[in-house]
Protein backbone atom coordinates (compact mmCIF):
# COMPACT_ATOMS: atom_id res chain seq x y z
CA MET A 1 -10.25 -6.57 14.21
CA GLN A 2 -11.96 -3.27 13.39
CA VAL A 3 -12.02 -2.46 9.66
CA GLY A 4 -12.45 0.98 8.10
CA ARG A 5 -14.73 1.93 5.23
CA LEU A 6 -14.39 4.38 2.36
CA LEU A 7 -16.50 7.53 2.58
CA THR A 8 -17.97 9.43 -0.30
CA ARG A 9 -16.51 12.85 -1.03
CA ARG A 10 -19.69 14.48 0.33
CA GLU A 11 -19.40 12.56 3.61
CA ALA A 12 -15.72 13.43 3.96
CA ILE A 13 -16.29 17.15 3.39
CA ALA A 14 -19.16 17.13 5.88
CA LEU A 15 -16.99 15.44 8.49
CA LEU A 16 -14.22 17.97 8.07
CA GLY A 17 -16.69 20.65 9.10
CA MET A 18 -17.51 18.92 12.38
CA SER A 19 -15.77 19.56 15.68
CA GLY A 20 -13.15 17.10 16.87
CA ALA A 21 -15.51 15.87 19.57
CA ALA A 22 -18.23 15.17 17.02
CA LEU A 23 -15.79 13.22 14.88
CA LEU A 24 -14.79 11.02 17.77
CA ALA A 25 -18.29 10.50 19.06
CA GLY A 26 -20.19 10.12 15.82
CA ARG A 27 -18.25 7.61 13.69
CA PRO A 28 -17.45 3.91 14.11
CA ARG A 29 -14.05 2.58 15.10
CA GLY A 30 -11.60 2.09 12.28
CA LEU A 31 -13.07 4.82 10.07
CA ALA A 32 -11.02 5.76 7.02
CA LEU A 33 -11.73 9.11 5.34
CA ALA A 34 -11.20 9.40 1.60
CA LEU A 35 -10.14 12.99 0.99
CA GLY A 36 -9.09 14.50 -2.32
CA ALA A 37 -6.50 17.22 -2.73
CA LYS A 38 -9.10 20.02 -2.65
CA THR A 39 -11.05 19.05 0.46
CA GLY A 40 -8.73 20.52 3.08
CA ALA A 41 -7.04 17.22 3.93
CA PRO A 42 -4.66 17.14 6.89
CA SER A 43 -0.94 17.16 6.20
CA CYS A 44 -0.64 13.38 6.57
CA VAL A 45 -3.35 12.94 3.88
CA VAL A 46 -5.96 10.29 4.54
CA ARG A 47 -6.20 7.62 1.85
CA PRO A 48 -9.02 5.35 0.65
CA GLU A 49 -9.17 1.70 1.54
CA GLN A 50 -9.11 -0.80 -1.34
CA THR A 51 -9.60 -4.53 -1.72
CA GLU A 52 -7.11 -6.96 -0.20
CA GLY A 53 -7.27 -9.17 -3.29
CA PRO A 54 -6.76 -12.95 -3.45
CA TYR A 55 -3.01 -13.06 -2.85
CA PHE A 56 -2.53 -11.99 0.78
CA VAL A 57 -0.84 -14.61 2.97
CA ASP A 58 -0.09 -13.80 6.61
CA GLU A 59 3.49 -15.04 6.49
CA ARG A 60 4.56 -13.25 9.70
CA LEU A 61 7.88 -12.63 7.99
CA ASN A 62 9.52 -9.67 9.75
CA ARG A 63 12.03 -8.18 7.35
CA ALA A 64 12.81 -4.89 5.61
CA ASP A 65 14.26 -6.38 2.41
CA ILE A 66 11.47 -8.50 0.96
CA ARG A 67 13.20 -9.41 -2.31
CA MET A 68 14.81 -12.64 -1.17
CA GLU A 69 13.37 -16.15 -1.24
CA PRO A 70 14.23 -17.36 2.31
CA ALA A 71 14.61 -21.03 1.36
CA THR A 72 17.24 -20.43 -1.33
CA GLY A 73 18.61 -16.93 -0.84
CA GLU A 74 17.63 -16.08 -4.42
CA VAL A 75 16.80 -12.39 -4.93
CA ALA A 76 13.82 -11.52 -7.10
CA PRO A 77 15.09 -9.87 -10.31
CA GLY A 78 13.97 -6.34 -11.04
CA ALA A 79 14.79 -2.69 -10.48
CA PRO A 80 15.34 -2.00 -6.74
CA LEU A 81 12.67 0.14 -5.08
CA GLU A 82 13.13 1.68 -1.64
CA LEU A 83 9.75 2.46 -0.10
CA VAL A 84 9.26 4.49 3.09
CA MET A 85 5.76 4.56 4.57
CA THR A 86 4.64 6.77 7.46
CA VAL A 87 1.45 5.94 9.36
CA SER A 88 -0.35 8.67 11.30
CA ARG A 89 -3.63 9.10 13.13
CA VAL A 90 -5.68 12.14 12.20
CA ALA A 91 -6.57 13.84 15.48
CA SER A 92 -9.19 16.48 16.12
CA GLY A 93 -8.32 19.73 14.41
CA GLY A 94 -6.56 17.89 11.58
CA SER A 95 -3.24 17.30 13.32
CA CYS A 96 -1.28 14.15 12.50
CA ILE A 97 -0.02 11.93 15.31
CA PRO A 98 2.53 9.22 14.39
CA VAL A 99 1.35 5.68 15.06
CA ALA A 100 4.19 3.68 16.60
CA GLY A 101 4.10 -0.10 16.87
CA ALA A 102 1.76 -0.71 13.92
CA GLN A 103 2.45 -3.73 11.71
CA VAL A 104 2.72 -2.87 8.01
CA ASP A 105 2.59 -5.82 5.60
CA LEU A 106 3.71 -5.47 1.98
CA TRP A 107 3.12 -7.96 -0.82
CA GLN A 108 3.39 -7.74 -4.60
CA CYS A 109 4.06 -9.65 -7.79
CA ASP A 110 7.53 -10.05 -9.27
CA ALA A 111 8.74 -8.65 -12.59
CA SER A 112 6.90 -11.48 -14.38
CA GLY A 113 3.57 -10.86 -12.65
CA VAL A 114 3.88 -13.81 -10.26
CA TYR A 115 3.02 -13.81 -6.53
CA SER A 116 4.66 -16.16 -4.06
CA ASP A 117 2.96 -18.80 -1.88
CA VAL A 118 -0.29 -19.08 -3.84
CA THR A 119 -2.02 -21.29 -6.36
CA ASP A 120 -3.15 -19.47 -9.49
CA PRO A 121 -4.27 -20.65 -12.95
CA GLY A 122 -1.03 -19.20 -14.31
CA PHE A 123 1.45 -20.32 -11.65
CA GLU A 124 2.01 -22.48 -8.57
CA THR A 125 4.30 -21.00 -5.91
CA VAL A 126 3.07 -22.50 -2.63
CA GLY A 127 5.90 -22.60 -0.09
CA ARG A 128 7.85 -19.71 -1.59
CA LYS A 129 7.86 -16.32 0.13
CA PHE A 130 9.56 -13.78 -2.15
CA LEU A 131 8.26 -10.19 -2.17
CA ARG A 132 6.38 -10.56 1.11
CA GLY A 133 7.13 -9.23 4.58
CA TYR A 134 6.24 -6.79 7.29
CA GLN A 135 7.83 -4.09 9.40
CA VAL A 136 6.71 -2.39 12.63
CA THR A 137 6.45 1.39 12.65
CA ASP A 138 9.01 3.27 14.72
CA ALA A 139 8.42 6.25 17.02
CA ASN A 140 7.90 8.44 13.95
CA GLY A 141 5.30 6.05 12.55
CA SER A 142 7.65 5.00 9.74
CA VAL A 143 8.72 1.76 8.11
CA ARG A 144 11.24 1.21 5.33
CA PHE A 145 11.12 -1.59 2.77
CA THR A 146 13.50 -2.66 0.01
CA THR A 147 11.63 -4.34 -2.82
CA ILE A 148 11.53 -4.18 -6.62
CA TYR A 149 9.44 -2.20 -9.06
CA PRO A 150 6.52 -4.60 -9.63
CA GLY A 151 5.67 -6.12 -12.98
CA TRP A 152 2.21 -6.55 -14.47
CA TYR A 153 -0.25 -9.38 -14.87
CA PRO A 154 -3.46 -9.66 -16.92
CA GLY A 155 -6.41 -7.63 -15.69
CA ARG A 156 -4.55 -5.19 -13.40
CA THR A 157 -2.43 -2.10 -13.62
CA VAL A 158 0.94 -2.04 -11.83
CA HIS A 159 0.49 -1.93 -8.05
CA ILE A 160 1.71 -2.94 -4.59
CA HIS A 161 -0.55 -4.18 -1.77
CA PHE A 162 -0.24 -3.11 1.85
CA LYS A 163 -2.03 -3.75 5.13
CA VAL A 164 -1.68 -1.76 8.36
CA ARG A 165 -2.65 -3.38 11.67
CA THR A 166 -2.55 -1.75 15.09
CA ASN A 167 -2.42 -4.33 17.89
CA PRO A 168 -2.68 -7.20 15.37
CA GLU A 169 -3.08 -9.80 18.11
CA SER A 170 -5.98 -7.98 19.75
CA PRO A 171 -9.62 -7.82 18.63
CA ARG A 172 -9.54 -4.15 19.66
CA GLY A 173 -6.93 -3.32 17.05
CA HIS A 174 -7.62 -1.59 13.75
CA GLU A 175 -6.90 -2.74 10.22
CA PHE A 176 -6.47 -0.75 7.02
CA ILE A 177 -5.89 -2.36 3.60
CA SER A 178 -5.12 -0.64 0.33
CA GLN A 179 -2.85 -0.54 -2.72
CA LEU A 180 -0.13 1.74 -4.10
CA TYR A 181 0.10 2.81 -7.74
CA PHE A 182 2.59 4.30 -10.19
CA ASP A 183 2.43 6.97 -12.86
CA ASP A 184 1.89 5.26 -16.21
CA SER A 185 4.53 7.30 -18.02
CA PHE A 186 7.10 6.52 -15.34
CA THR A 187 6.24 2.81 -15.52
CA ASP A 188 6.67 2.91 -19.30
CA ARG A 189 10.24 4.10 -18.81
CA VAL A 190 11.00 1.49 -16.15
CA PHE A 191 9.63 -1.26 -18.37
CA THR A 192 12.21 -0.52 -21.06
CA ARG A 193 14.70 -2.12 -18.67
CA GLU A 194 15.48 -5.77 -18.13
CA PRO A 195 13.76 -7.97 -17.10
CA TYR A 196 10.50 -6.08 -17.73
CA VAL A 197 11.08 -5.35 -21.42
CA ASP A 198 10.99 -9.04 -22.35
CA ARG A 199 7.27 -9.26 -21.51
CA GLY A 200 6.12 -6.76 -24.10
CA PRO A 201 3.54 -3.99 -23.60
CA ARG A 202 1.16 -4.24 -20.66
CA PRO A 203 -2.55 -4.44 -21.56
CA VAL A 204 -4.00 -2.48 -18.60
CA ARG A 205 -3.05 1.03 -17.58
CA ASN A 206 -4.31 2.94 -14.57
CA GLN A 207 -7.55 4.33 -15.95
CA ARG A 208 -8.58 0.97 -17.38
CA ASP A 209 -8.21 -0.73 -13.99
CA GLY A 210 -11.54 -0.89 -12.17
CA ILE A 211 -9.88 -0.97 -8.74
CA PHE A 212 -7.64 1.99 -9.53
CA ARG A 213 -10.68 4.01 -10.59
CA ARG A 214 -12.04 3.72 -7.04
CA GLY A 215 -9.61 6.17 -5.47
CA GLY A 216 -6.30 5.11 -6.98
CA ASP A 217 -5.41 8.68 -7.87
CA GLN A 218 -5.03 9.28 -4.10
CA LEU A 219 -2.71 6.28 -3.75
CA MET A 220 -0.04 7.27 -6.26
CA LEU A 221 3.63 6.95 -5.38
CA ASP A 222 5.96 9.83 -6.26
CA VAL A 223 8.89 7.75 -7.45
CA LYS A 224 12.39 9.16 -7.91
CA GLU A 225 15.50 7.62 -9.41
CA LYS A 226 18.05 6.52 -6.82
CA GLY A 227 21.28 4.89 -7.96
CA ASP A 228 20.42 1.99 -10.25
CA GLY A 229 16.91 1.84 -8.83
CA TYR A 230 14.14 3.98 -7.40
CA ALA A 231 12.83 5.42 -4.14
CA ALA A 232 9.40 6.58 -2.98
CA LYS A 233 7.64 7.78 0.15
CA PHE A 234 4.00 7.42 1.12
CA ASP A 235 2.16 9.06 4.02
CA LEU A 236 -0.99 7.40 5.30
CA GLY A 237 -3.37 8.98 7.77
CA PHE A 238 -6.49 7.40 9.22
CA GLN A 239 -9.26 8.48 11.56
CA VAL A 240 -10.26 6.21 14.42
CA THR A 241 -12.31 6.73 17.55
């Protein structure tokens, strides 16, 4: 599996000045460009890669609604969040081409800061599979998940993990891993609701999170209220040869 790397701002700006042919010929497979809002990013907006973290489990659980525990049917408590992600390839000239057939995995903690199917000093959830799953992008490069607004746990700001794999069964496929973040003020409002409010104030906000500070401002979700929950969209573009 080919894995991308995060470029410095200087490298990204320099690459944008190259011709399309130079981009394709001069960079390794799986390259991910980290472009800020002022660097002339393409419309699909390329995002930085971030760490997978210790809690990824390849469950191979194909489902759009990831809230339920399959063994019991129990739904993870928390404010519903509808998340639409669109995956594109940045072509020469900065155009965005939808990537169909890519596998997008999503995993996150519950409202209490607990991940499923892992052993942790604070919890033991091996065998459970709540708040995990994947979808395959359609012809428009899009997937849609129903999840919950994530809670917090010590040492991290509020976030959701994702992984995109093209041709996941082939060594010639590409892999991109990163995280999604939320505006602190918006999270403060959400956390006045049950069941989040019972945990008290969270100790780490975005700018105190060392992982967020490495490009998290480019990975922010624009969350809107929708019914009794929330909805957000996220566009991801990546450059590959």
